[in-house]
Amino acid sequence: MIVSLPISFNGIGVREGAGVALVCLVGVSRVQAFSLQFTTYRVGVAVRLPGGVTCLARLPLRRAGARSMEGSS
């Protein structure tokens, strides 16, 4: 829930800070906790990026299809 607060761009920094605070409670060092949080964020971005690129690449095709449907009615 802390990431949804509008105090940073895409929750970057807030997520890592909260993660460091929570993971340090179980005995993990601050550097390792930050690395874990930031790597998790990067993996999430890498997984979502191909879908975003695909969606943007298909946008012109959708517009062309909509125009052809308008012309035929």
N, C-alpha and C. Protein backbone atom coordinates (compact mmCIF):
# COMPACT_ATOMS: atom_id res chain seq x y z
N MET A 1 0.82 -1.19 0.00
CA MET A 1 0.00 0.00 0.00
C MET A 1 0.86 1.26 0.00
N ILE A 2 2.06 1.14 0.53
CA ILE A 2 2.90 2.34 0.62
C ILE A 2 3.31 2.84 -0.75
N VAL A 3 3.41 1.95 -1.73
CA VAL A 3 3.82 2.34 -3.07
C VAL A 3 2.75 3.17 -3.75
N SER A 4 1.50 3.00 -3.36
CA SER A 4 0.41 3.74 -3.99
C SER A 4 0.32 5.20 -3.54
N LEU A 5 1.08 5.58 -2.54
CA LEU A 5 1.08 6.98 -2.11
C LEU A 5 1.73 7.85 -3.19
N PRO A 6 1.12 8.99 -3.50
CA PRO A 6 1.65 9.84 -4.58
C PRO A 6 2.81 10.73 -4.13
N ILE A 7 3.89 10.12 -3.65
CA ILE A 7 5.02 10.92 -3.17
C ILE A 7 6.28 10.67 -3.97
N SER A 8 6.22 9.79 -4.97
CA SER A 8 7.39 9.54 -5.81
C SER A 8 6.93 9.06 -7.18
N PHE A 9 7.86 9.00 -8.12
CA PHE A 9 7.56 8.52 -9.46
C PHE A 9 7.52 7.01 -9.46
N ASN A 10 6.34 6.45 -9.69
CA ASN A 10 6.14 4.99 -9.77
C ASN A 10 6.55 4.27 -8.49
N GLY A 11 6.58 4.95 -7.38
CA GLY A 11 6.91 4.32 -6.11
C GLY A 11 8.37 3.99 -5.91
N ILE A 12 9.22 4.42 -6.85
CA ILE A 12 10.64 4.11 -6.74
C ILE A 12 11.21 4.86 -5.53
N GLY A 13 11.93 4.17 -4.72
CA GLY A 13 12.50 4.75 -3.51
C GLY A 13 11.63 4.44 -2.30
N VAL A 14 10.34 4.65 -2.45
CA VAL A 14 9.42 4.33 -1.35
C VAL A 14 9.36 2.82 -1.16
N ARG A 15 9.25 2.10 -2.26
CA ARG A 15 9.20 0.64 -2.22
C ARG A 15 10.47 0.07 -1.61
N GLU A 16 11.60 0.59 -2.06
CA GLU A 16 12.87 0.08 -1.57
C GLU A 16 13.07 0.42 -0.09
N GLY A 17 12.69 1.64 0.29
CA GLY A 17 12.83 2.04 1.69
C GLY A 17 11.98 1.20 2.62
N ALA A 18 10.74 0.96 2.22
CA ALA A 18 9.86 0.13 3.03
C ALA A 18 10.37 -1.30 3.08
N GLY A 19 10.85 -1.79 1.93
CA GLY A 19 11.38 -3.16 1.90
C GLY A 19 12.60 -3.32 2.77
N VAL A 20 13.49 -2.35 2.74
CA VAL A 20 14.69 -2.40 3.58
C VAL A 20 14.29 -2.40 5.05
N ALA A 21 13.36 -1.55 5.41
CA ALA A 21 12.93 -1.48 6.81
C ALA A 21 12.33 -2.81 7.27
N LEU A 22 11.53 -3.44 6.41
CA LEU A 22 10.88 -4.69 6.81
C LEU A 22 11.84 -5.87 6.79
N VAL A 23 12.67 -5.97 5.76
CA VAL A 23 13.56 -7.13 5.64
C VAL A 23 14.69 -7.06 6.67
N CYS A 24 15.09 -5.87 7.05
CA CYS A 24 16.13 -5.74 8.08
C CYS A 24 15.67 -6.28 9.42
N LEU A 25 14.38 -6.34 9.62
CA LEU A 25 13.85 -6.87 10.88
C LEU A 25 14.16 -8.35 11.07
N VAL A 26 14.40 -9.07 9.99
CA VAL A 26 14.71 -10.49 10.09
C VAL A 26 16.21 -10.77 9.99
N GLY A 27 17.03 -9.73 10.03
CA GLY A 27 18.47 -9.91 10.11
C GLY A 27 19.23 -9.80 8.80
N VAL A 28 18.62 -9.29 7.75
CA VAL A 28 19.30 -9.12 6.47
C VAL A 28 19.95 -7.74 6.48
N SER A 29 21.13 -7.63 5.87
CA SER A 29 21.81 -6.33 5.84
C SER A 29 21.05 -5.35 4.95
N ARG A 30 21.29 -4.07 5.17
CA ARG A 30 20.60 -3.02 4.41
C ARG A 30 20.94 -3.11 2.92
N VAL A 31 22.19 -3.40 2.59
CA VAL A 31 22.60 -3.49 1.19
C VAL A 31 21.91 -4.66 0.50
N GLN A 32 21.87 -5.80 1.16
CA GLN A 32 21.20 -6.96 0.57
C GLN A 32 19.70 -6.73 0.44
N ALA A 33 19.10 -6.09 1.41
CA ALA A 33 17.66 -5.82 1.36
C ALA A 33 17.35 -4.86 0.22
N PHE A 34 18.16 -3.82 0.05
CA PHE A 34 17.93 -2.89 -1.05
C PHE A 34 18.11 -3.59 -2.39
N SER A 35 19.15 -4.41 -2.51
CA SER A 35 19.40 -5.13 -3.76
C SER A 35 18.23 -6.04 -4.10
N LEU A 36 17.68 -6.71 -3.10
CA LEU A 36 16.54 -7.58 -3.32
C LEU A 36 15.34 -6.79 -3.82
N GLN A 37 15.04 -5.67 -3.19
CA GLN A 37 13.89 -4.85 -3.57
C GLN A 37 14.06 -4.26 -4.97
N PHE A 38 15.23 -3.75 -5.26
CA PHE A 38 15.46 -3.11 -6.55
C PHE A 38 15.50 -4.13 -7.68
N THR A 39 16.09 -5.29 -7.42
CA THR A 39 16.11 -6.35 -8.43
C THR A 39 14.71 -6.85 -8.72
N THR A 40 13.89 -6.98 -7.71
CA THR A 40 12.50 -7.38 -7.91
C THR A 40 11.77 -6.36 -8.77
N TYR A 41 12.00 -5.09 -8.56
CA TYR A 41 11.39 -4.05 -9.38
C TYR A 41 11.85 -4.16 -10.83
N ARG A 42 13.15 -4.33 -11.03
CA ARG A 42 13.69 -4.43 -12.39
C ARG A 42 13.16 -5.65 -13.12
N VAL A 43 13.02 -6.78 -12.44
CA VAL A 43 12.46 -7.98 -13.08
C VAL A 43 11.01 -7.73 -13.47
N GLY A 44 10.26 -7.07 -12.62
CA GLY A 44 8.87 -6.75 -12.95
C GLY A 44 8.76 -5.87 -14.17
N VAL A 45 9.63 -4.88 -14.27
CA VAL A 45 9.63 -4.00 -15.45
C VAL A 45 10.01 -4.80 -16.69
N ALA A 46 11.01 -5.64 -16.58
CA ALA A 46 11.46 -6.43 -17.72
C ALA A 46 10.38 -7.39 -18.20
N VAL A 47 9.58 -7.91 -17.30
CA VAL A 47 8.50 -8.83 -17.68
C VAL A 47 7.36 -8.07 -18.35
N ARG A 48 7.06 -6.87 -17.89
CA ARG A 48 5.95 -6.09 -18.46
C ARG A 48 6.31 -5.36 -19.74
N LEU A 49 7.57 -5.09 -19.96
CA LEU A 49 8.00 -4.29 -21.11
C LEU A 49 7.61 -4.89 -22.46
N PRO A 50 7.78 -6.18 -22.71
CA PRO A 50 7.37 -6.72 -24.01
C PRO A 50 5.87 -6.55 -24.28
N GLY A 51 5.05 -6.67 -23.27
CA GLY A 51 3.62 -6.47 -23.44
C GLY A 51 3.29 -5.04 -23.81
N GLY A 52 3.96 -4.08 -23.19
CA GLY A 52 3.74 -2.68 -23.52
C GLY A 52 4.18 -2.34 -24.93
N VAL A 53 5.31 -2.89 -25.34
CA VAL A 53 5.80 -2.67 -26.70
C VAL A 53 4.84 -3.28 -27.71
N THR A 54 4.35 -4.48 -27.44
CA THR A 54 3.40 -5.13 -28.32
C THR A 54 2.12 -4.32 -28.44
N CYS A 55 1.64 -3.82 -27.33
CA CYS A 55 0.41 -3.00 -27.34
C CYS A 55 0.62 -1.74 -28.17
N LEU A 56 1.73 -1.08 -28.01
CA LEU A 56 2.00 0.13 -28.79
C LEU A 56 2.19 -0.17 -30.27
N ALA A 57 2.80 -1.31 -30.57
CA ALA A 57 3.02 -1.67 -31.97
C ALA A 57 1.71 -2.01 -32.67
N ARG A 58 0.75 -2.54 -31.95
CA ARG A 58 -0.53 -2.92 -32.56
C ARG A 58 -1.50 -1.76 -32.66
N LEU A 59 -1.22 -0.65 -32.01
CA LEU A 59 -2.12 0.50 -32.01
C LEU A 59 -2.42 1.01 -33.42
N PRO A 60 -1.43 1.20 -34.31
CA PRO A 60 -1.75 1.64 -35.67
C PRO A 60 -2.64 0.64 -36.42
N LEU A 61 -2.46 -0.64 -36.17
CA LEU A 61 -3.30 -1.65 -36.82
C LEU A 61 -4.75 -1.55 -36.35
N ARG A 62 -4.95 -1.28 -35.08
CA ARG A 62 -6.31 -1.12 -34.56
C ARG A 62 -6.98 0.11 -35.16
N ARG A 63 -6.22 1.19 -35.26
CA ARG A 63 -6.79 2.42 -35.84
C ARG A 63 -7.16 2.21 -37.30
N ALA A 64 -6.31 1.52 -38.05
CA ALA A 64 -6.61 1.24 -39.46
C ALA A 64 -7.83 0.35 -39.57
N GLY A 65 -7.98 -0.61 -38.70
CA GLY A 65 -9.15 -1.48 -38.71
C GLY A 65 -10.42 -0.71 -38.37
N ALA A 66 -10.33 0.22 -37.46
CA ALA A 66 -11.50 1.02 -37.09
C ALA A 66 -11.92 1.93 -38.24
N ARG A 67 -10.94 2.47 -38.95
CA ARG A 67 -11.26 3.33 -40.10
C ARG A 67 -11.94 2.53 -41.21
N SER A 68 -11.47 1.32 -41.45
CA SER A 68 -12.07 0.51 -42.51
C SER A 68 -13.48 0.09 -42.13
N MET A 69 -13.74 -0.10 -40.85
CA MET A 69 -15.10 -0.46 -40.40
C MET A 69 -16.04 0.74 -40.55
N GLU A 70 -15.54 1.96 -40.31
CA GLU A 70 -16.36 3.16 -40.47
C GLU A 70 -16.72 3.39 -41.94
N GLY A 71 -15.81 3.12 -42.84
CA GLY A 71 -16.02 3.33 -44.26
C GLY A 71 -17.00 2.33 -44.86
N SER A 72 -17.10 1.13 -44.28
CA SER A 72 -17.98 0.12 -44.84
C SER A 72 -19.41 0.24 -44.34
N SER A 73 -19.69 1.03 -43.30
CA SER A 73 -21.07 1.13 -42.82
C SER A 73 -21.85 2.21 -43.46
